Amino acid sequence: MFAERLIAAMQAAGYEARPSVLEREFNLRYWGKPITFQAVRRWLRGDSFPSQEKLLVLAQWLSVSPHYLRYGAAEVAGVKEPAAAWQVSPDADELRLLALYRQLPQAQRKLVRDIMENFVNDPQHP
């Protein structure tokens, strides 16, 4: 059932439900280790299920709730934190960096991510 919901969400978002499309779009949004063509094919066939971390990326990309992707039912009403009142839009420099990053091969993307994470996690970083 997860595979059916994933395919429907991809199509509703205007994407072809093909492994190559899912692999490319997911890896553009996920900062962890890139997933493989075989892994996304297993998701689309219903042979495997993504981790919660990956499920959150899929849900955000496809504008559906993670609960819907996992279970298919509407979320049970409960206490929720209010959504942020505003969102910061990327400036021209950030958009340019993202465009350059997307042109890099996967190995170089990983290197850039690792360098950025090292800067952020540096105890001397303000």
C-alpha atoms as a PDB file:
ATOM      1  CA  MET A   1       0.000   0.000   0.000  1.00  0.00           C
ATOM      2  CA  PHE A   2       2.901   2.383   0.650  1.00  0.00           C
ATOM      3  CA  ALA A   3       4.029   1.987  -2.966  1.00  0.00           C
ATOM      4  CA  GLU A   4       0.555   2.901  -4.232  1.00  0.00           C
ATOM      5  CA  ARG A   5       0.443   6.017  -2.059  1.00  0.00           C
ATOM      6  CA  LEU A   6       3.963   7.032  -3.118  1.00  0.00           C
ATOM      7  CA  ILE A   7       3.100   6.632  -6.807  1.00  0.00           C
ATOM      8  CA  ALA A   8      -0.147   8.583  -6.375  1.00  0.00           C
ATOM      9  CA  ALA A   9       1.636  11.379  -4.489  1.00  0.00           C
ATOM     10  CA  MET A  10       4.335  11.628  -7.165  1.00  0.00           C
ATOM     11  CA  GLN A  11       1.739  11.824  -9.927  1.00  0.00           C
ATOM     12  CA  ALA A  12      -0.341  14.368  -7.995  1.00  0.00           C
ATOM     13  CA  ALA A  13       2.795  16.498  -7.614  1.00  0.00           C
ATOM     14  CA  GLY A  14       3.377  16.362 -11.380  1.00  0.00           C
ATOM     15  CA  TYR A  15       6.159  13.768 -11.503  1.00  0.00           C
ATOM     16  CA  GLU A  16       6.351  10.520 -13.417  1.00  0.00           C
ATOM     17  CA  ALA A  17       6.364   7.599 -10.992  1.00  0.00           C
ATOM     18  CA  ARG A  18       9.618   6.131 -12.310  1.00  0.00           C
ATOM     19  CA  PRO A  19      12.630   5.019 -10.269  1.00  0.00           C
ATOM     20  CA  SER A  20      14.990   7.375 -12.122  1.00  0.00           C
ATOM     21  CA  VAL A  21      12.758  10.373 -11.352  1.00  0.00           C
ATOM     22  CA  LEU A  22      12.353   9.397  -7.709  1.00  0.00           C
ATOM     23  CA  GLU A  23      16.086   8.789  -7.281  1.00  0.00           C
ATOM     24  CA  ARG A  24      17.026  12.172  -8.780  1.00  0.00           C
ATOM     25  CA  GLU A  25      14.411  14.241  -6.961  1.00  0.00           C
ATOM     26  CA  PHE A  26      14.939  12.533  -3.611  1.00  0.00           C
ATOM     27  CA  ASN A  27      18.728  12.889  -3.721  1.00  0.00           C
ATOM     28  CA  LEU A  28      18.403  16.597  -4.551  1.00  0.00           C
ATOM     29  CA  ARG A  29      16.552  17.091  -1.263  1.00  0.00           C
ATOM     30  CA  TYR A  30      18.226  14.585   1.059  1.00  0.00           C
ATOM     31  CA  TRP A  31      21.461  15.549   2.833  1.00  0.00           C
ATOM     32  CA  GLY A  32      22.388  12.037   3.894  1.00  0.00           C
ATOM     33  CA  LYS A  33      23.958   9.277   1.856  1.00  0.00           C
ATOM     34  CA  PRO A  34      22.330   9.267  -1.595  1.00  0.00           C
ATOM     35  CA  ILE A  35      19.909   6.445  -2.266  1.00  0.00           C
ATOM     36  CA  THR A  36      20.362   4.110  -5.204  1.00  0.00           C
ATOM     37  CA  PHE A  37      18.181   3.395  -8.189  1.00  0.00           C
ATOM     38  CA  GLN A  38      17.599  -0.121  -6.828  1.00  0.00           C
ATOM     39  CA  ALA A  39      16.425   1.208  -3.465  1.00  0.00           C
ATOM     40  CA  VAL A  40      13.821   3.538  -4.953  1.00  0.00           C
ATOM     41  CA  ARG A  41      12.681   0.807  -7.332  1.00  0.00           C
ATOM     42  CA  ARG A  42      11.999  -1.383  -4.284  1.00  0.00           C
ATOM     43  CA  TRP A  43       9.982   1.486  -2.736  1.00  0.00           C
ATOM     44  CA  LEU A  44       7.902   1.848  -5.896  1.00  0.00           C
ATOM     45  CA  ARG A  45       7.335  -1.912  -6.114  1.00  0.00           C
ATOM     46  CA  GLY A  46       6.390  -2.187  -2.447  1.00  0.00           C
ATOM     47  CA  ASP A  47       9.314  -4.479  -1.654  1.00  0.00           C
ATOM     48  CA  SER A  48      10.786  -2.175   1.000  1.00  0.00           C
ATOM     49  CA  PHE A  49       9.940   0.875   3.052  1.00  0.00           C
ATOM     50  CA  PRO A  50      12.065   3.993   3.646  1.00  0.00           C
ATOM     51  CA  SER A  51      13.334   4.948   7.083  1.00  0.00           C
ATOM     52  CA  GLN A  52      11.408   7.630   8.969  1.00  0.00           C
ATOM     53  CA  GLU A  53      14.056  10.211   8.071  1.00  0.00           C
ATOM     54  CA  LYS A  54      13.670   9.444   4.367  1.00  0.00           C
ATOM     55  CA  LEU A  55       9.896   9.302   4.685  1.00  0.00           C
ATOM     56  CA  LEU A  56       9.915  12.866   6.043  1.00  0.00           C
ATOM     57  CA  VAL A  57      11.919  14.050   3.021  1.00  0.00           C
ATOM     58  CA  LEU A  58       9.504  12.311   0.644  1.00  0.00           C
ATOM     59  CA  ALA A  59       6.484  13.793   2.394  1.00  0.00           C
ATOM     60  CA  GLN A  60       7.870  17.316   2.360  1.00  0.00           C
ATOM     61  CA  TRP A  61       8.857  17.076  -1.307  1.00  0.00           C
ATOM     62  CA  LEU A  62       5.454  15.681  -2.356  1.00  0.00           C
ATOM     63  CA  SER A  63       3.432  17.989  -0.055  1.00  0.00           C
ATOM     64  CA  VAL A  64       1.717  15.167   1.794  1.00  0.00           C
ATOM     65  CA  SER A  65       1.893  14.157   5.425  1.00  0.00           C
ATOM     66  CA  PRO A  66       4.362  11.478   6.484  1.00  0.00           C
ATOM     67  CA  HIS A  67       1.463   9.787   8.256  1.00  0.00           C
ATOM     68  CA  TYR A  68      -0.432   9.531   4.984  1.00  0.00           C
ATOM     69  CA  LEU A  69       2.535   8.003   3.161  1.00  0.00           C
ATOM     70  CA  ARG A  70       3.120   5.459   5.918  1.00  0.00           C
ATOM     71  CA  TYR A  71      -0.440   4.533   6.873  1.00  0.00           C
ATOM     72  CA  GLY A  72      -2.736   5.983   4.241  1.00  0.00           C
ATOM     73  CA  ALA A  73      -5.335   7.186   6.709  1.00  0.00           C
ATOM     74  CA  ALA A  74      -5.919  10.739   7.762  1.00  0.00           C
ATOM     75  CA  GLU A  75      -4.004  11.784  10.839  1.00  0.00           C
ATOM     76  CA  VAL A  76      -5.747  11.446  14.143  1.00  0.00           C
ATOM     77  CA  ALA A  77      -6.557  14.830  15.626  1.00  0.00           C
ATOM     78  CA  GLY A  78      -4.207  15.733  18.427  1.00  0.00           C
ATOM     79  CA  VAL A  79      -2.123  18.470  19.888  1.00  0.00           C
ATOM     80  CA  LYS A  80       0.107  20.033  17.292  1.00  0.00           C
ATOM     81  CA  GLU A  81       2.618  22.791  17.342  1.00  0.00           C
ATOM     82  CA  PRO A  82       1.409  25.756  15.297  1.00  0.00           C
ATOM     83  CA  ALA A  83       3.068  26.259  11.946  1.00  0.00           C
ATOM     84  CA  ALA A  84       5.664  28.984  11.684  1.00  0.00           C
ATOM     85  CA  ALA A  85       4.130  32.344  10.870  1.00  0.00           C
ATOM     86  CA  TRP A  86       6.788  33.131   8.268  1.00  0.00           C
ATOM     87  CA  GLN A  87       9.348  31.432   6.164  1.00  0.00           C
ATOM     88  CA  VAL A  88      12.652  32.881   5.024  1.00  0.00           C
ATOM     89  CA  SER A  89      13.078  32.819   1.264  1.00  0.00           C
ATOM     90  CA  PRO A  90      16.536  32.122  -0.128  1.00  0.00           C
ATOM     91  CA  ASP A  91      18.411  35.156  -1.392  1.00  0.00           C
ATOM     92  CA  ALA A  92      20.199  35.337  -4.755  1.00  0.00           C
ATOM     93  CA  ASP A  93      23.512  34.073  -3.332  1.00  0.00           C
ATOM     94  CA  GLU A  94      21.850  31.037  -1.765  1.00  0.00           C
ATOM     95  CA  LEU A  95      19.996  30.244  -4.978  1.00  0.00           C
ATOM     96  CA  ARG A  96      23.241  30.508  -6.951  1.00  0.00           C
ATOM     97  CA  LEU A  97      25.017  28.157  -4.511  1.00  0.00           C
ATOM     98  CA  LEU A  98      22.174  25.658  -4.762  1.00  0.00           C
ATOM     99  CA  ALA A  99      22.281  25.776  -8.565  1.00  0.00           C
ATOM    100  CA  LEU A 100      26.050  25.177  -8.533  1.00  0.00           C
ATOM    101  CA  TYR A 101      25.686  22.370  -5.985  1.00  0.00           C
ATOM    102  CA  ARG A 102      23.114  20.601  -8.155  1.00  0.00           C
ATOM    103  CA  GLN A 103      25.572  20.569 -11.063  1.00  0.00           C
ATOM    104  CA  LEU A 104      28.166  18.607  -9.071  1.00  0.00           C
ATOM    105  CA  PRO A 105      28.548  14.818  -9.276  1.00  0.00           C
ATOM    106  CA  GLN A 106      27.398  12.889  -6.194  1.00  0.00           C
ATOM    107  CA  ALA A 107      30.924  12.395  -4.802  1.00  0.00           C
ATOM    108  CA  GLN A 108      31.629  16.121  -4.896  1.00  0.00           C
ATOM    109  CA  ARG A 109      28.199  16.907  -3.390  1.00  0.00           C
ATOM    110  CA  LYS A 110      29.076  14.694  -0.439  1.00  0.00           C
ATOM    111  CA  LEU A 111      32.392  16.486  -0.014  1.00  0.00           C
ATOM    112  CA  VAL A 112      30.664  19.880  -0.002  1.00  0.00           C
ATOM    113  CA  ARG A 113      28.087  18.651   2.551  1.00  0.00           C
ATOM    114  CA  ASP A 114      30.843  17.254   4.778  1.00  0.00           C
ATOM    115  CA  ILE A 115      32.756  20.540   4.675  1.00  0.00           C
ATOM    116  CA  MET A 116      29.640  22.546   5.503  1.00  0.00           C
ATOM    117  CA  GLU A 117      28.769  20.225   8.393  1.00  0.00           C
ATOM    118  CA  ASN A 118      32.300  20.551   9.755  1.00  0.00           C
ATOM    119  CA  PHE A 119      32.020  24.336   9.708  1.00  0.00           C
ATOM    120  CA  VAL A 120      28.654  24.258  11.451  1.00  0.00           C
ATOM    121  CA  ASN A 121      29.763  21.734  14.070  1.00  0.00           C
ATOM    122  CA  ASP A 122      33.061  23.515  14.788  1.00  0.00           C
ATOM    123  CA  PRO A 123      33.010  24.573  18.478  1.00  0.00           C
ATOM    124  CA  GLN A 124      34.766  27.826  17.528  1.00  0.00           C
ATOM    125  CA  HIS A 125      32.003  28.592  15.020  1.00  0.00           C
ATOM    126  CA  PRO A 126      29.967  31.550  16.363  1.00  0.00           C
END
